[in-house]
PDB file of N, CA and C in Angstrom:
ATOM      1  N   MET A   1      44.337  36.789  26.225  1.00  0.00           N
ATOM      2  CA  MET A   1      43.732  36.591  27.527  1.00  0.00           C
ATOM      3  C   MET A   1      42.315  36.045  27.328  1.00  0.00           C
ATOM      4  N   GLU A   2      42.002  35.007  28.052  1.00  0.00           N
ATOM      5  CA  GLU A   2      40.690  34.368  27.979  1.00  0.00           C
ATOM      6  C   GLU A   2      39.648  35.216  28.712  1.00  0.00           C
ATOM      7  N   LYS A   3      38.430  35.212  28.194  1.00  0.00           N
ATOM      8  CA  LYS A   3      37.328  35.933  28.844  1.00  0.00           C
ATOM      9  C   LYS A   3      36.302  34.927  29.340  1.00  0.00           C
ATOM     10  N   GLN A   4      35.672  35.256  30.446  1.00  0.00           N
ATOM     11  CA  GLN A   4      34.680  34.385  31.065  1.00  0.00           C
ATOM     12  C   GLN A   4      33.562  35.241  31.645  1.00  0.00           C
ATOM     13  N   LEU A   5      32.351  34.740  31.618  1.00  0.00           N
ATOM     14  CA  LEU A   5      31.217  35.430  32.235  1.00  0.00           C
ATOM     15  C   LEU A   5      30.938  34.784  33.586  1.00  0.00           C
ATOM     16  N   TYR A   6      30.821  35.593  34.624  1.00  0.00           N
ATOM     17  CA  TYR A   6      30.492  35.111  35.956  1.00  0.00           C
ATOM     18  C   TYR A   6      29.172  35.716  36.408  1.00  0.00           C
ATOM     19  N   ARG A   7      28.362  34.890  37.035  1.00  0.00           N
ATOM     20  CA  ARG A   7      27.078  35.352  37.567  1.00  0.00           C
ATOM     21  C   ARG A   7      27.339  36.172  38.821  1.00  0.00           C
ATOM     22  N   VAL A   8      26.614  37.284  38.943  1.00  0.00           N
ATOM     23  CA  VAL A   8      26.735  38.171  40.096  1.00  0.00           C
ATOM     24  C   VAL A   8      25.336  38.404  40.654  1.00  0.00           C
ATOM     25  N   ILE A   9      25.224  38.324  41.968  1.00  0.00           N
ATOM     26  CA  ILE A   9      23.958  38.595  42.647  1.00  0.00           C
ATOM     27  C   ILE A   9      24.078  39.960  43.314  1.00  0.00           C
ATOM     28  N   ILE A  10      23.102  40.825  43.063  1.00  0.00           N
ATOM     29  CA  ILE A  10      23.114  42.171  43.643  1.00  0.00           C
ATOM     30  C   ILE A  10      21.859  42.348  44.491  1.00  0.00           C
ATOM     31  N   GLU A  11      22.072  42.804  45.717  1.00  0.00           N
ATOM     32  CA  GLU A  11      20.953  43.068  46.626  1.00  0.00           C
ATOM     33  C   GLU A  11      21.155  44.433  47.264  1.00  0.00           C
ATOM     34  N   GLN A  12      20.049  45.116  47.483  1.00  0.00           N
ATOM     35  CA  GLN A  12      20.118  46.396  48.169  1.00  0.00           C
ATOM     36  C   GLN A  12      19.863  46.144  49.651  1.00  0.00           C
ATOM     37  N   ASP A  13      20.733  46.701  50.507  1.00  0.00           N
ATOM     38  CA  ASP A  13      20.556  46.480  51.940  1.00  0.00           C
ATOM     39  C   ASP A  13      19.640  47.545  52.545  1.00  0.00           C
ATOM     40  N   GLU A  14      19.389  47.418  53.838  1.00  0.00           N
ATOM     41  CA  GLU A  14      18.444  48.312  54.517  1.00  0.00           C
ATOM     42  C   GLU A  14      18.909  49.763  54.564  1.00  0.00           C
ATOM     43  N   SER A  15      20.203  50.003  54.397  1.00  0.00           N
ATOM     44  CA  SER A  15      20.713  51.373  54.393  1.00  0.00           C
ATOM     45  C   SER A  15      20.716  52.000  52.998  1.00  0.00           C
ATOM     46  N   GLY A  16      20.342  51.199  51.980  1.00  0.00           N
ATOM     47  CA  GLY A  16      20.284  51.710  50.616  1.00  0.00           C
ATOM     48  C   GLY A  16      21.488  51.362  49.762  1.00  0.00           C
ATOM     49  N   TRP A  17      22.543  50.820  50.366  1.00  0.00           N
ATOM     50  CA  TRP A  17      23.733  50.411  49.606  1.00  0.00           C
ATOM     51  C   TRP A  17      23.453  49.110  48.879  1.00  0.00           C
ATOM     52  N   PHE A  18      24.191  48.883  47.797  1.00  0.00           N
ATOM     53  CA  PHE A  18      24.055  47.668  47.007  1.00  0.00           C
ATOM     54  C   PHE A  18      25.251  46.757  47.275  1.00  0.00           C
ATOM     55  N   THR A  19      24.952  45.492  47.556  1.00  0.00           N
ATOM     56  CA  THR A  19      25.988  44.488  47.777  1.00  0.00           C
ATOM     57  C   THR A  19      25.992  43.550  46.579  1.00  0.00           C
ATOM     58  N   ALA A  20      27.174  43.265  46.061  1.00  0.00           N
ATOM     59  CA  ALA A  20      27.323  42.370  44.911  1.00  0.00           C
ATOM     60  C   ALA A  20      28.210  41.199  45.318  1.00  0.00           C
ATOM     61  N   GLU A  21      27.795  39.993  44.919  1.00  0.00           N
ATOM     62  CA  GLU A  21      28.526  38.780  45.267  1.00  0.00           C
ATOM     63  C   GLU A  21      28.647  37.890  44.046  1.00  0.00           C
ATOM     64  N   CYS A  22      29.787  37.233  43.908  1.00  0.00           N
ATOM     65  CA  CYS A  22      30.014  36.282  42.827  1.00  0.00           C
ATOM     66  C   CYS A  22      30.062  34.881  43.445  1.00  0.00           C
ATOM     67  N   PRO A  23      28.958  34.116  43.370  1.00  0.00           N
ATOM     68  CA  PRO A  23      28.897  32.805  44.026  1.00  0.00           C
ATOM     69  C   PRO A  23      29.954  31.803  43.572  1.00  0.00           C
ATOM     70  N   ALA A  24      30.433  31.903  42.350  1.00  0.00           N
ATOM     71  CA  ALA A  24      31.439  30.963  41.852  1.00  0.00           C
ATOM     72  C   ALA A  24      32.809  31.179  42.499  1.00  0.00           C
ATOM     73  N   LEU A  25      33.000  32.359  43.098  1.00  0.00           N
ATOM     74  CA  LEU A  25      34.278  32.715  43.709  1.00  0.00           C
ATOM     75  C   LEU A  25      34.032  33.000  45.192  1.00  0.00           C
ATOM     76  N   PRO A  26      34.167  32.004  46.044  1.00  0.00           N
ATOM     77  CA  PRO A  26      33.850  32.162  47.466  1.00  0.00           C
ATOM     78  C   PRO A  26      34.550  33.369  48.101  1.00  0.00           C
ATOM     79  N   GLY A  27      33.751  34.192  48.776  1.00  0.00           N
ATOM     80  CA  GLY A  27      34.288  35.371  49.450  1.00  0.00           C
ATOM     81  C   GLY A  27      34.456  36.581  48.571  1.00  0.00           C
ATOM     82  N   CYS A  28      34.112  36.477  47.302  1.00  0.00           N
ATOM     83  CA  CYS A  28      34.250  37.601  46.376  1.00  0.00           C
ATOM     84  C   CYS A  28      32.981  38.449  46.454  1.00  0.00           C
ATOM     85  N   ILE A  29      33.048  39.480  47.293  1.00  0.00           N
ATOM     86  CA  ILE A  29      31.900  40.343  47.575  1.00  0.00           C
ATOM     87  C   ILE A  29      32.366  41.790  47.503  1.00  0.00           C
ATOM     88  N   SER A  30      31.497  42.665  47.020  1.00  0.00           N
ATOM     89  CA  SER A  30      31.797  44.087  46.993  1.00  0.00           C
ATOM     90  C   SER A  30      30.501  44.854  47.209  1.00  0.00           C
ATOM     91  N   GLN A  31      30.588  46.166  47.202  1.00  0.00           N
ATOM     92  CA  GLN A  31      29.399  46.986  47.392  1.00  0.00           C
ATOM     93  C   GLN A  31      29.556  48.315  46.685  1.00  0.00           C
ATOM     94  N   GLY A  32      28.479  49.076  46.674  1.00  0.00           N
ATOM     95  CA  GLY A  32      28.514  50.402  46.080  1.00  0.00           C
ATOM     96  C   GLY A  32      27.286  51.189  46.473  1.00  0.00           C
ATOM     97  N   ALA A  33      27.379  52.495  46.365  1.00  0.00           N
ATOM     98  CA  ALA A  33      26.262  53.366  46.708  1.00  0.00           C
ATOM     99  C   ALA A  33      25.120  53.231  45.707  1.00  0.00           C
ATOM    100  N   THR A  34      25.460  52.846  44.471  1.00  0.00           N
ATOM    101  CA  THR A  34      24.452  52.624  43.434  1.00  0.00           C
ATOM    102  C   THR A  34      24.664  51.230  42.854  1.00  0.00           C
ATOM    103  N   ARG A  35      23.675  50.768  42.112  1.00  0.00           N
ATOM    104  CA  ARG A  35      23.790  49.466  41.446  1.00  0.00           C
ATOM    105  C   ARG A  35      24.977  49.476  40.472  1.00  0.00           C
ATOM    106  N   THR A  36      25.143  50.561  39.749  1.00  0.00           N
ATOM    107  CA  THR A  36      26.252  50.691  38.806  1.00  0.00           C
ATOM    108  C   THR A  36      27.594  50.641  39.528  1.00  0.00           C
ATOM    109  N   ASP A  37      27.690  51.338  40.664  1.00  0.00           N
ATOM    110  CA  ASP A  37      28.927  51.299  41.449  1.00  0.00           C
ATOM    111  C   ASP A  37      29.221  49.883  41.925  1.00  0.00           C
ATOM    112  N   ALA A  38      28.191  49.186  42.396  1.00  0.00           N
ATOM    113  CA  ALA A  38      28.376  47.817  42.884  1.00  0.00           C
ATOM    114  C   ALA A  38      28.857  46.903  41.754  1.00  0.00           C
ATOM    115  N   LEU A  39      28.285  47.054  40.557  1.00  0.00           N
ATOM    116  CA  LEU A  39      28.721  46.247  39.413  1.00  0.00           C
ATOM    117  C   LEU A  39      30.170  46.536  39.033  1.00  0.00           C
ATOM    118  N   THR A  40      30.540  47.802  39.016  1.00  0.00           N
ATOM    119  CA  THR A  40      31.919  48.173  38.704  1.00  0.00           C
ATOM    120  C   THR A  40      32.873  47.606  39.750  1.00  0.00           C
ATOM    121  N   ASN A  41      32.478  47.724  41.026  1.00  0.00           N
ATOM    122  CA  ASN A  41      33.340  47.256  42.108  1.00  0.00           C
ATOM    123  C   ASN A  41      33.473  45.736  42.126  1.00  0.00           C
ATOM    124  N   ILE A  42      32.392  45.011  41.843  1.00  0.00           N
ATOM    125  CA  ILE A  42      32.497  43.548  41.839  1.00  0.00           C
ATOM    126  C   ILE A  42      33.316  43.082  40.640  1.00  0.00           C
ATOM    127  N   GLN A  43      33.228  43.789  39.534  1.00  0.00           N
ATOM    128  CA  GLN A  43      34.056  43.441  38.382  1.00  0.00           C
ATOM    129  C   GLN A  43      35.539  43.578  38.739  1.00  0.00           C
ATOM    130  N   ASP A  44      35.890  44.651  39.432  1.00  0.00           N
ATOM    131  CA  ASP A  44      37.275  44.827  39.889  1.00  0.00           C
ATOM    132  C   ASP A  44      37.664  43.733  40.882  1.00  0.00           C
ATOM    133  N   ALA A  45      36.743  43.382  41.787  1.00  0.00           N
ATOM    134  CA  ALA A  45      37.017  42.343  42.785  1.00  0.00           C
ATOM    135  C   ALA A  45      37.223  40.984  42.113  1.00  0.00           C
ATOM    136  N   ILE A  46      36.395  40.677  41.119  1.00  0.00           N
ATOM    137  CA  ILE A  46      36.536  39.410  40.388  1.00  0.00           C
ATOM    138  C   ILE A  46      37.888  39.369  39.676  1.00  0.00           C
ATOM    139  N   GLN A  47      38.255  40.468  39.032  1.00  0.00           N
ATOM    140  CA  GLN A  47      39.545  40.522  38.333  1.00  0.00           C
ATOM    141  C   GLN A  47      40.695  40.301  39.308  1.00  0.00           C
ATOM    142  N   GLY A  48      40.641  40.952  40.457  1.00  0.00           N
ATOM    143  CA  GLY A  48      41.680  40.777  41.461  1.00  0.00           C
ATOM    144  C   GLY A  48      41.734  39.355  41.999  1.00  0.00           C
ATOM    145  N   TYR A  49      40.571  38.754  42.205  1.00  0.00           N
ATOM    146  CA  TYR A  49      40.476  37.376  42.683  1.00  0.00           C
ATOM    147  C   TYR A  49      41.137  36.423  41.689  1.00  0.00           C
ATOM    148  N   LEU A  50      40.775  36.575  40.416  1.00  0.00           N
ATOM    149  CA  LEU A  50      41.331  35.706  39.377  1.00  0.00           C
ATOM    150  C   LEU A  50      42.834  35.939  39.193  1.00  0.00           C
ATOM    151  N   ASP A  51      43.270  37.191  39.279  1.00  0.00           N
ATOM    152  CA  ASP A  51      44.706  37.494  39.180  1.00  0.00           C
ATOM    153  C   ASP A  51      45.468  36.807  40.309  1.00  0.00           C
ATOM    154  N   SER A  52      44.914  36.835  41.517  1.00  0.00           N
ATOM    155  CA  SER A  52      45.558  36.188  42.659  1.00  0.00           C
ATOM    156  C   SER A  52      45.643  34.679  42.463  1.00  0.00           C
ATOM    157  N   LEU A  53      44.564  34.085  41.954  1.00  0.00           N
ATOM    158  CA  LEU A  53      44.595  32.643  41.689  1.00  0.00           C
ATOM    159  C   LEU A  53      45.693  32.300  40.689  1.00  0.00           C
ATOM    160  N   ARG A  54      45.793  33.092  39.625  1.00  0.00           N
ATOM    161  CA  ARG A  54      46.825  32.852  38.612  1.00  0.00           C
ATOM    162  C   ARG A  54      48.233  32.981  39.203  1.00  0.00           C
ATOM    163  N   GLN A  55      48.447  34.007  40.011  1.00  0.00           N
ATOM    164  CA  GLN A  55      49.763  34.233  40.607  1.00  0.00           C
ATOM    165  C   GLN A  55      50.185  33.079  41.517  1.00  0.00           C
ATOM    166  N   HIS A  56      49.194  32.414  42.113  1.00  0.00           N
ATOM    167  CA  HIS A  56      49.485  31.314  43.031  1.00  0.00           C
ATOM    168  C   HIS A  56      49.295  29.944  42.376  1.00  0.00           C
ATOM    169  N   ASN A  57      49.174  29.945  41.042  1.00  0.00           N
ATOM    170  CA  ASN A  57      48.995  28.705  40.283  1.00  0.00           C
ATOM    171  C   ASN A  57      47.825  27.860  40.786  1.00  0.00           C
ATOM    172  N   GLU A  58      46.755  28.538  41.183  1.00  0.00           N
ATOM    173  CA  GLU A  58      45.535  27.871  41.635  1.00  0.00           C
ATOM    174  C   GLU A  58      44.586  27.743  40.443  1.00  0.00           C
ATOM    175  N   PRO A  59      43.720  26.732  40.442  1.00  0.00           N
ATOM    176  CA  PRO A  59      42.769  26.590  39.337  1.00  0.00           C
ATOM    177  C   PRO A  59      41.728  27.706  39.347  1.00  0.00           C
ATOM    178  N   ILE A  60      41.301  28.090  38.158  1.00  0.00           N
ATOM    179  CA  ILE A  60      40.257  29.103  38.004  1.00  0.00           C
ATOM    180  C   ILE A  60      38.905  28.384  38.033  1.00  0.00           C
ATOM    181  N   PRO A  61      38.038  28.704  39.010  1.00  0.00           N
ATOM    182  CA  PRO A  61      36.733  28.045  39.059  1.00  0.00           C
ATOM    183  C   PRO A  61      35.891  28.402  37.838  1.00  0.00           C
ATOM    184  N   PRO A  62      35.149  27.437  37.328  1.00  0.00           N
ATOM    185  CA  PRO A  62      34.255  27.744  36.214  1.00  0.00           C
ATOM    186  C   PRO A  62      33.073  28.557  36.722  1.00  0.00           C
ATOM    187  N   PRO A  63      32.446  29.316  35.845  1.00  0.00           N
ATOM    188  CA  PRO A  63      31.259  30.061  36.264  1.00  0.00           C
ATOM    189  C   PRO A  63      30.111  29.097  36.577  1.00  0.00           C
ATOM    190  N   ILE A  64      29.216  29.537  37.420  1.00  0.00           N
ATOM    191  CA  ILE A  64      28.017  28.771  37.734  1.00  0.00           C
ATOM    192  C   ILE A  64      26.965  29.117  36.684  1.00  0.00           C
ATOM    193  N   THR A  65      26.384  28.107  36.092  1.00  0.00           N
ATOM    194  CA  THR A  65      25.315  28.358  35.131  1.00  0.00           C
ATOM    195  C   THR A  65      23.981  28.243  35.847  1.00  0.00           C
ATOM    196  N   GLU A  66      22.984  28.870  35.305  1.00  0.00           N
ATOM    197  CA  GLU A  66      21.666  28.817  35.923  1.00  0.00           C
ATOM    198  C   GLU A  66      20.594  28.823  34.844  1.00  0.00           C
ATOM    199  N   GLU A  67      19.445  28.399  35.232  1.00  0.00           N
ATOM    200  CA  GLU A  67      18.277  28.429  34.368  1.00  0.00           C
ATOM    201  C   GLU A  67      17.145  29.120  35.108  1.00  0.00           C
ATOM    202  N   LEU A  68      16.278  29.759  34.390  1.00  0.00           N
ATOM    203  CA  LEU A  68      15.073  30.339  34.971  1.00  0.00           C
ATOM    204  C   LEU A  68      13.938  29.338  34.755  1.00  0.00           C
ATOM    205  N   VAL A  69      13.187  29.083  35.810  1.00  0.00           N
ATOM    206  CA  VAL A  69      12.079  28.143  35.749  1.00  0.00           C
ATOM    207  C   VAL A  69      10.811  28.899  36.077  1.00  0.00           C
ATOM    208  N   GLU A  70       9.820  28.796  35.199  1.00  0.00           N
ATOM    209  CA  GLU A  70       8.553  29.479  35.414  1.00  0.00           C
ATOM    210  C   GLU A  70       7.594  28.585  36.171  1.00  0.00           C
ATOM    211  N   VAL A  71       6.977  29.125  37.209  1.00  0.00           N
ATOM    212  CA  VAL A  71       5.997  28.369  37.979  1.00  0.00           C
ATOM    213  C   VAL A  71       4.755  29.242  38.162  1.00  0.00           C
ATOM    214  N   ALA A  72       3.603  28.582  38.260  1.00  0.00           N
ATOM    215  CA  ALA A  72       2.350  29.296  38.483  1.00  0.00           C
ATOM    216  C   ALA A  72       2.067  29.320  39.982  1.00  0.00           C
ATOM    217  N   PHE A  73       1.510  30.417  40.446  1.00  0.00           N
ATOM    218  CA  PHE A  73       1.127  30.474  41.854  1.00  0.00           C
ATOM    219  C   PHE A  73      -0.152  31.250  42.010  1.00  0.00           C
TER     220      PHE A  73
END
């Protein structure tokens, strides 16, 4: 089985819950009471998303790469 790294964005909402989103997989969003829970849940969501794509013979989107750019302000 091939392994791939996907970028995940985690934000804490106003109620204190953490929302996790995988931009490379549209609609792949999860949440958790803690940052760790959100990471675990998004990992499960990503796995389910990719499993569904495979079952339907759909292409697997590549991960989005990013760079950090330093700026002075």
